C-alpha cells in the first residue's frame, strides 16, 4: 500500500537556510513557494530545527543549505 492514497498529494516548500556555528537556523529564504500559509509553516518549523554545525579545520562555521519541507494534502 502506498503512503499516499488517491485523495492525497504531496508538495514541498524549498528553503535556503543558514545554519550557524551553534547549529541553529539564522536566515531563511523561500526558493519554491506553495502559498496557502504553508510557506510560513515551513519557515516556522525549520527555525526550530537544530543541526550539528559544519566544521572547517575543526572550528564550527556557518553554512548555507537547501532543505525541503514536505506537506501531504488531503
PDB file of N, CA and C in Angstrom:
ATOM      1  N   UNK A   1       0.843  -1.184   0.000  1.00  0.00           N
ATOM      2  CA  UNK A   1       0.000   0.000   0.000  1.00  0.00           C
ATOM      3  C   UNK A   1       0.880   1.236   0.000  1.00  0.00           C
ATOM      4  N   UNK A   2       0.492   2.222  -0.768  1.00  0.00           N
ATOM      5  CA  UNK A   2       1.250   3.472  -0.876  1.00  0.00           C
ATOM      6  C   UNK A   2       1.059   4.330   0.369  1.00  0.00           C
ATOM      7  N   UNK A   3       2.079   5.124   0.685  1.00  0.00           N
ATOM      8  CA  UNK A   3       1.985   6.047   1.817  1.00  0.00           C
ATOM      9  C   UNK A   3       1.027   7.195   1.514  1.00  0.00           C
ATOM     10  N   UNK A   4       0.766   7.440   0.235  1.00  0.00           N
ATOM     11  CA  UNK A   4      -0.161   8.493  -0.184  1.00  0.00           C
ATOM     12  C   UNK A   4      -1.311   7.832  -0.921  1.00  0.00           C
ATOM     13  N   UNK A   5      -2.548   7.995  -0.410  1.00  0.00           N
ATOM     14  CA  UNK A   5      -3.675   7.367  -1.102  1.00  0.00           C
ATOM     15  C   UNK A   5      -4.167   8.257  -2.241  1.00  0.00           C
ATOM     16  N   UNK A   6      -5.224   7.827  -2.914  1.00  0.00           N
ATOM     17  CA  UNK A   6      -5.722   8.520  -4.103  1.00  0.00           C
ATOM     18  C   UNK A   6      -6.221   9.928  -3.816  1.00  0.00           C
ATOM     19  N   UNK A   7      -6.589  10.229  -2.578  1.00  0.00           N
ATOM     20  CA  UNK A   7      -7.120  11.539  -2.229  1.00  0.00           C
ATOM     21  C   UNK A   7      -6.066  12.467  -1.616  1.00  0.00           C
ATOM     22  N   UNK A   8      -4.816  12.074  -1.660  1.00  0.00           N
ATOM     23  CA  UNK A   8      -3.743  12.869  -1.083  1.00  0.00           C
ATOM     24  C   UNK A   8      -2.732  13.248  -2.154  1.00  0.00           C
ATOM     25  N   UNK A   9      -2.085  14.378  -1.955  1.00  0.00           N
ATOM     26  CA  UNK A   9      -0.970  14.745  -2.818  1.00  0.00           C
ATOM     27  C   UNK A   9       0.126  15.348  -1.954  1.00  0.00           C
ATOM     28  N   UNK A  10       1.346  15.149  -2.390  1.00  0.00           N
ATOM     29  CA  UNK A  10       2.497  15.670  -1.653  1.00  0.00           C
ATOM     30  C   UNK A  10       3.052  16.881  -2.383  1.00  0.00           C
ATOM     31  N   UNK A  11       3.431  17.876  -1.616  1.00  0.00           N
ATOM     32  CA  UNK A  11       4.075  19.060  -2.177  1.00  0.00           C
ATOM     33  C   UNK A  11       5.182  19.487  -1.232  1.00  0.00           C
ATOM     34  N   UNK A  12       6.062  20.307  -1.742  1.00  0.00           N
ATOM     35  CA  UNK A  12       7.238  20.657  -0.974  1.00  0.00           C
ATOM     36  C   UNK A  12       7.540  22.148  -1.072  1.00  0.00           C
ATOM     37  N   UNK A  13       7.854  22.750   0.067  1.00  0.00           N
ATOM     38  CA  UNK A  13       8.386  24.107   0.115  1.00  0.00           C
ATOM     39  C   UNK A  13       9.900  23.941   0.151  1.00  0.00           C
ATOM     40  N   UNK A  14      10.600  24.585  -0.777  1.00  0.00           N
ATOM     41  CA  UNK A  14      12.054  24.503  -0.820  1.00  0.00           C
ATOM     42  C   UNK A  14      12.629  25.765  -0.196  1.00  0.00           C
ATOM     43  N   UNK A  15      13.489  25.574   0.795  1.00  0.00           N
ATOM     44  CA  UNK A  15      14.070  26.688   1.534  1.00  0.00           C
ATOM     45  C   UNK A  15      15.588  26.669   1.429  1.00  0.00           C
ATOM     46  N   UNK A  16      16.165  27.862   1.461  1.00  0.00           N
ATOM     47  CA  UNK A  16      17.606  28.007   1.616  1.00  0.00           C
ATOM     48  C   UNK A  16      17.821  28.569   3.010  1.00  0.00           C
ATOM     49  N   UNK A  17      18.609  27.872   3.822  1.00  0.00           N
ATOM     50  CA  UNK A  17      18.797  28.293   5.202  1.00  0.00           C
ATOM     51  C   UNK A  17      20.280  28.473   5.505  1.00  0.00           C
ATOM     52  N   UNK A  18      20.549  29.301   6.498  1.00  0.00           N
ATOM     53  CA  UNK A  18      21.906  29.431   7.018  1.00  0.00           C
ATOM     54  C   UNK A  18      21.929  28.730   8.374  1.00  0.00           C
ATOM     55  N   UNK A  19      22.789  27.729   8.478  1.00  0.00           N
ATOM     56  CA  UNK A  19      22.991  27.037   9.745  1.00  0.00           C
ATOM     57  C   UNK A  19      24.233  27.655  10.374  1.00  0.00           C
ATOM     58  N   UNK A  20      24.042  28.251  11.541  1.00  0.00           N
ATOM     59  CA  UNK A  20      25.132  28.940  12.223  1.00  0.00           C
ATOM     60  C   UNK A  20      26.103  27.989  12.896  1.00  0.00           C
ATOM     61  N   UNK A  21      27.198  28.535  13.387  1.00  0.00           N
ATOM     62  CA  UNK A  21      28.202  27.716  14.070  1.00  0.00           C
ATOM     63  C   UNK A  21      27.665  27.005  15.314  1.00  0.00           C
ATOM     64  N   UNK A  22      26.555  27.509  15.855  1.00  0.00           N
ATOM     65  CA  UNK A  22      25.959  26.865  17.032  1.00  0.00           C
ATOM     66  C   UNK A  22      24.888  25.842  16.647  1.00  0.00           C
ATOM     67  N   UNK A  23      24.668  25.637  15.329  1.00  0.00           N
ATOM     68  CA  UNK A  23      23.707  24.644  14.853  1.00  0.00           C
ATOM     69  C   UNK A  23      22.289  25.153  14.696  1.00  0.00           C
ATOM     70  N   UNK A  24      22.055  26.435  14.994  1.00  0.00           N
ATOM     71  CA  UNK A  24      20.714  26.996  14.845  1.00  0.00           C
ATOM     72  C   UNK A  24      20.543  27.606  13.459  1.00  0.00           C
ATOM     73  N   UNK A  25      19.299  27.738  13.039  1.00  0.00           N
ATOM     74  CA  UNK A  25      18.967  28.339  11.753  1.00  0.00           C
ATOM     75  C   UNK A  25      18.825  29.840  11.950  1.00  0.00           C
ATOM     76  N   UNK A  26      19.625  30.618  11.194  1.00  0.00           N
ATOM     77  CA  UNK A  26      19.595  32.068  11.384  1.00  0.00           C
ATOM     78  C   UNK A  26      18.864  32.803  10.273  1.00  0.00           C
ATOM     79  N   UNK A  27      19.040  32.399   9.046  1.00  0.00           N
ATOM     80  CA  UNK A  27      18.386  33.066   7.916  1.00  0.00           C
ATOM     81  C   UNK A  27      17.640  32.026   7.094  1.00  0.00           C
ATOM     82  N   UNK A  28      16.464  32.427   6.586  1.00  0.00           N
ATOM     83  CA  UNK A  28      15.661  31.524   5.767  1.00  0.00           C
ATOM     84  C   UNK A  28      15.173  32.289   4.542  1.00  0.00           C
ATOM     85  N   UNK A  29      15.320  31.672   3.377  1.00  0.00           N
ATOM     86  CA  UNK A  29      14.808  32.253   2.142  1.00  0.00           C
ATOM     87  C   UNK A  29      14.001  31.175   1.418  1.00  0.00           C
ATOM     88  N   UNK A  30      12.813  31.535   0.952  1.00  0.00           N
ATOM     89  CA  UNK A  30      11.956  30.579   0.243  1.00  0.00           C
ATOM     90  C   UNK A  30      12.372  30.548  -1.224  1.00  0.00           C
ATOM     91  N   UNK A  31      12.722  29.358  -1.709  1.00  0.00           N
ATOM     92  CA  UNK A  31      13.108  29.178  -3.111  1.00  0.00           C
ATOM     93  C   UNK A  31      11.942  28.683  -3.958  1.00  0.00           C
ATOM     94  N   UNK A  32      11.052  27.881  -3.360  1.00  0.00           N
ATOM     95  CA  UNK A  32       9.860  27.383  -4.068  1.00  0.00           C
ATOM     96  C   UNK A  32       8.673  27.485  -3.124  1.00  0.00           C
ATOM     97  N   UNK A  33       7.718  28.327  -3.484  1.00  0.00           N
ATOM     98  CA  UNK A  33       6.552  28.603  -2.636  1.00  0.00           C
ATOM     99  C   UNK A  33       5.380  27.689  -2.975  1.00  0.00           C
ATOM    100  N   UNK A  34       4.544  27.462  -1.949  1.00  0.00           N
ATOM    101  CA  UNK A  34       3.281  26.759  -2.150  1.00  0.00           C
ATOM    102  C   UNK A  34       2.089  27.665  -1.875  1.00  0.00           C
ATOM    103  N   UNK A  35       2.280  28.661  -1.018  1.00  0.00           N
ATOM    104  CA  UNK A  35       1.171  29.545  -0.648  1.00  0.00           C
ATOM    105  C   UNK A  35       0.248  28.875   0.346  1.00  0.00           C
ATOM    106  N   UNK A  36      -0.895  29.490   0.559  1.00  0.00           N
ATOM    107  CA  UNK A  36      -1.895  28.937   1.464  1.00  0.00           C
ATOM    108  C   UNK A  36      -1.420  28.804   2.900  1.00  0.00           C
ATOM    109  N   UNK A  37      -0.425  29.589   3.287  1.00  0.00           N
ATOM    110  CA  UNK A  37       0.099  29.521   4.637  1.00  0.00           C
ATOM    111  C   UNK A  37       1.154  28.448   4.845  1.00  0.00           C
ATOM    112  N   UNK A  38       1.386  27.601   3.843  1.00  0.00           N
ATOM    113  CA  UNK A  38       2.345  26.507   4.001  1.00  0.00           C
ATOM    114  C   UNK A  38       3.787  27.008   4.051  1.00  0.00           C
ATOM    115  N   UNK A  39       4.077  28.082   3.313  1.00  0.00           N
ATOM    116  CA  UNK A  39       5.431  28.648   3.346  1.00  0.00           C
ATOM    117  C   UNK A  39       5.771  29.113   4.758  1.00  0.00           C
ATOM    118  N   UNK A  40       4.828  29.809   5.386  1.00  0.00           N
ATOM    119  CA  UNK A  40       5.030  30.311   6.741  1.00  0.00           C
ATOM    120  C   UNK A  40       5.211  29.169   7.733  1.00  0.00           C
ATOM    121  N   UNK A  41       4.430  28.122   7.573  1.00  0.00           N
ATOM    122  CA  UNK A  41       4.553  26.962   8.472  1.00  0.00           C
ATOM    123  C   UNK A  41       5.885  26.249   8.278  1.00  0.00           C
ATOM    124  N   UNK A  42       6.345  26.168   7.034  1.00  0.00           N
ATOM    125  CA  UNK A  42       7.640  25.534   6.768  1.00  0.00           C
ATOM    126  C   UNK A  42       8.769  26.336   7.414  1.00  0.00           C
ATOM    127  N   UNK A  43       8.714  27.652   7.292  1.00  0.00           N
ATOM    128  CA  UNK A  43       9.740  28.510   7.893  1.00  0.00           C
ATOM    129  C   UNK A  43       9.731  28.359   9.408  1.00  0.00           C
ATOM    130  N   UNK A  44       8.551  28.366  10.003  1.00  0.00           N
ATOM    131  CA  UNK A  44       8.439  28.225  11.465  1.00  0.00           C
ATOM    132  C   UNK A  44       9.011  26.886  11.924  1.00  0.00           C
ATOM    133  N   UNK A  45       8.742  25.826  11.176  1.00  0.00           N
ATOM    134  CA  UNK A  45       9.249  24.502  11.544  1.00  0.00           C
ATOM    135  C   UNK A  45      10.773  24.461  11.466  1.00  0.00           C
ATOM    136  N   UNK A  46      11.321  24.962  10.364  1.00  0.00           N
ATOM    137  CA  UNK A  46      12.770  24.903  10.152  1.00  0.00           C
ATOM    138  C   UNK A  46      13.516  25.734  11.197  1.00  0.00           C
ATOM    139  N   UNK A  47      12.940  26.833  11.619  1.00  0.00           N
ATOM    140  CA  UNK A  47      13.601  27.674  12.637  1.00  0.00           C
ATOM    141  C   UNK A  47      13.735  26.947  13.982  1.00  0.00           C
ATOM    142  N   UNK A  48      12.958  25.883  14.188  1.00  0.00           N
ATOM    143  CA  UNK A  48      13.048  25.095  15.423  1.00  0.00           C
ATOM    144  C   UNK A  48      14.090  23.974  15.328  1.00  0.00           C
ATOM    145  N   UNK A  49      14.515  23.652  14.119  1.00  0.00           N
ATOM    146  CA  UNK A  49      15.459  22.561  13.923  1.00  0.00           C
ATOM    147  C   UNK A  49      16.831  22.929  14.475  1.00  0.00           C
ATOM    148  N   UNK A  50      17.576  21.922  14.901  1.00  0.00           N
ATOM    149  CA  UNK A  50      18.960  22.085  15.351  1.00  0.00           C
ATOM    150  C   UNK A  50      19.830  21.114  14.574  1.00  0.00           C
ATOM    151  N   UNK A  51      20.964  21.597  14.144  1.00  0.00           N
ATOM    152  CA  UNK A  51      21.885  20.811  13.331  1.00  0.00           C
ATOM    153  C   UNK A  51      23.223  20.664  14.041  1.00  0.00           C
ATOM    154  N   UNK A  52      23.965  19.642  13.659  1.00  0.00           N
ATOM    155  CA  UNK A  52      25.370  19.568  14.039  1.00  0.00           C
ATOM    156  C   UNK A  52      26.091  20.534  13.100  1.00  0.00           C
ATOM    157  N   UNK A  53      26.812  21.495  13.637  1.00  0.00           N
ATOM    158  CA  UNK A  53      27.420  22.501  12.769  1.00  0.00           C
ATOM    159  C   UNK A  53      28.494  21.918  11.863  1.00  0.00           C
ATOM    160  N   UNK A  54      28.631  22.551  10.706  1.00  0.00           N
ATOM    161  CA  UNK A  54      29.734  22.205   9.814  1.00  0.00           C
ATOM    162  C   UNK A  54      31.028  22.673  10.472  1.00  0.00           C
ATOM    163  N   UNK A  55      32.123  22.046  10.096  1.00  0.00           N
ATOM    164  CA  UNK A  55      33.410  22.426  10.683  1.00  0.00           C
ATOM    165  C   UNK A  55      34.440  22.644   9.588  1.00  0.00           C
ATOM    166  N   UNK A  56      35.276  23.611   9.829  1.00  0.00           N
ATOM    167  CA  UNK A  56      36.404  23.870   8.938  1.00  0.00           C
ATOM    168  C   UNK A  56      37.645  23.918   9.816  1.00  0.00           C
ATOM    169  N   UNK A  57      38.552  23.013   9.553  1.00  0.00           N
ATOM    170  CA  UNK A  57      39.771  22.866  10.355  1.00  0.00           C
ATOM    171  C   UNK A  57      39.410  22.743  11.840  1.00  0.00           C
ATOM    172  N   UNK A  58      38.331  21.992  12.107  1.00  0.00           N
ATOM    173  CA  UNK A  58      37.925  21.726  13.480  1.00  0.00           C
ATOM    174  C   UNK A  58      37.082  22.797  14.148  1.00  0.00           C
ATOM    175  N   UNK A  59      36.899  23.933  13.484  1.00  0.00           N
ATOM    176  CA  UNK A  59      36.135  25.040  14.061  1.00  0.00           C
ATOM    177  C   UNK A  59      34.739  25.094  13.439  1.00  0.00           C
ATOM    178  N   UNK A  60      33.680  25.187  14.255  1.00  0.00           N
ATOM    179  CA  UNK A  60      32.328  25.296  13.701  1.00  0.00           C
ATOM    180  C   UNK A  60      32.177  26.574  12.861  1.00  0.00           C
ATOM    181  N   UNK A  61      31.539  26.422  11.695  1.00  0.00           N
ATOM    182  CA  UNK A  61      31.324  27.551  10.782  1.00  0.00           C
ATOM    183  C   UNK A  61      29.880  27.565  10.294  1.00  0.00           C
ATOM    184  N   UNK A  62      29.434  28.727   9.844  1.00  0.00           N
ATOM    185  CA  UNK A  62      28.104  28.859   9.242  1.00  0.00           C
ATOM    186  C   UNK A  62      28.137  28.306   7.817  1.00  0.00           C
ATOM    187  N   UNK A  63      27.030  27.680   7.399  1.00  0.00           N
ATOM    188  CA  UNK A  63      26.912  27.166   6.035  1.00  0.00           C
ATOM    189  C   UNK A  63      25.514  27.450   5.502  1.00  0.00           C
ATOM    190  N   UNK A  64      25.413  27.515   4.189  1.00  0.00           N
ATOM    191  CA  UNK A  64      24.122  27.677   3.514  1.00  0.00           C
ATOM    192  C   UNK A  64      23.690  26.305   3.018  1.00  0.00           C
ATOM    193  N   UNK A  65      22.447  25.935   3.318  1.00  0.00           N
ATOM    194  CA  UNK A  65      21.923  24.617   2.971  1.00  0.00           C
ATOM    195  C   UNK A  65      20.530  24.774   2.362  1.00  0.00           C
ATOM    196  N   UNK A  66      20.210  23.943   1.379  1.00  0.00           N
ATOM    197  CA  UNK A  66      18.843  23.886   0.858  1.00  0.00           C
ATOM    198  C   UNK A  66      18.134  22.708   1.508  1.00  0.00           C
ATOM    199  N   UNK A  67      16.920  22.964   1.998  1.00  0.00           N
ATOM    200  CA  UNK A  67      16.113  21.903   2.595  1.00  0.00           C
ATOM    201  C   UNK A  67      14.696  21.978   2.041  1.00  0.00           C
ATOM    202  N   UNK A  68      14.077  20.823   1.923  1.00  0.00           N
ATOM    203  CA  UNK A  68      12.693  20.758   1.502  1.00  0.00           C
ATOM    204  C   UNK A  68      11.818  20.346   2.673  1.00  0.00           C
ATOM    205  N   UNK A  69      10.689  21.013   2.809  1.00  0.00           N
ATOM    206  CA  UNK A  69       9.713  20.647   3.838  1.00  0.00           C
ATOM    207  C   UNK A  69       8.492  20.124   3.097  1.00  0.00           C
ATOM    208  N   UNK A  70       8.201  18.848   3.293  1.00  0.00           N
ATOM    209  CA  UNK A  70       7.134  18.186   2.536  1.00  0.00           C
ATOM    210  C   UNK A  70       5.817  18.242   3.308  1.00  0.00           C
ATOM    211  N   UNK A  71       4.750  18.510   2.580  1.00  0.00           N
ATOM    212  CA  UNK A  71       3.395  18.504   3.127  1.00  0.00           C
ATOM    213  C   UNK A  71       2.578  17.489   2.355  1.00  0.00           C
ATOM    214  N   UNK A  72       1.702  16.777   3.065  1.00  0.00           N
ATOM    215  CA  UNK A  72       0.754  15.881   2.428  1.00  0.00           C
ATOM    216  C   UNK A  72      -0.613  16.530   2.537  1.00  0.00           C
ATOM    217  N   UNK A  73      -1.194  16.842   1.399  1.00  0.00           N
ATOM    218  CA  UNK A  73      -2.504  17.496   1.348  1.00  0.00           C
ATOM    219  C   UNK A  73      -3.577  16.439   1.153  1.00  0.00           C
ATOM    220  N   UNK A  74      -4.627  16.555   1.946  1.00  0.00           N
ATOM    221  CA  UNK A  74      -5.724  15.585   1.861  1.00  0.00           C
ATOM    222  C   UNK A  74      -6.983  16.257   1.409  1.00  0.00           C
TER     223      UNK A  74
END
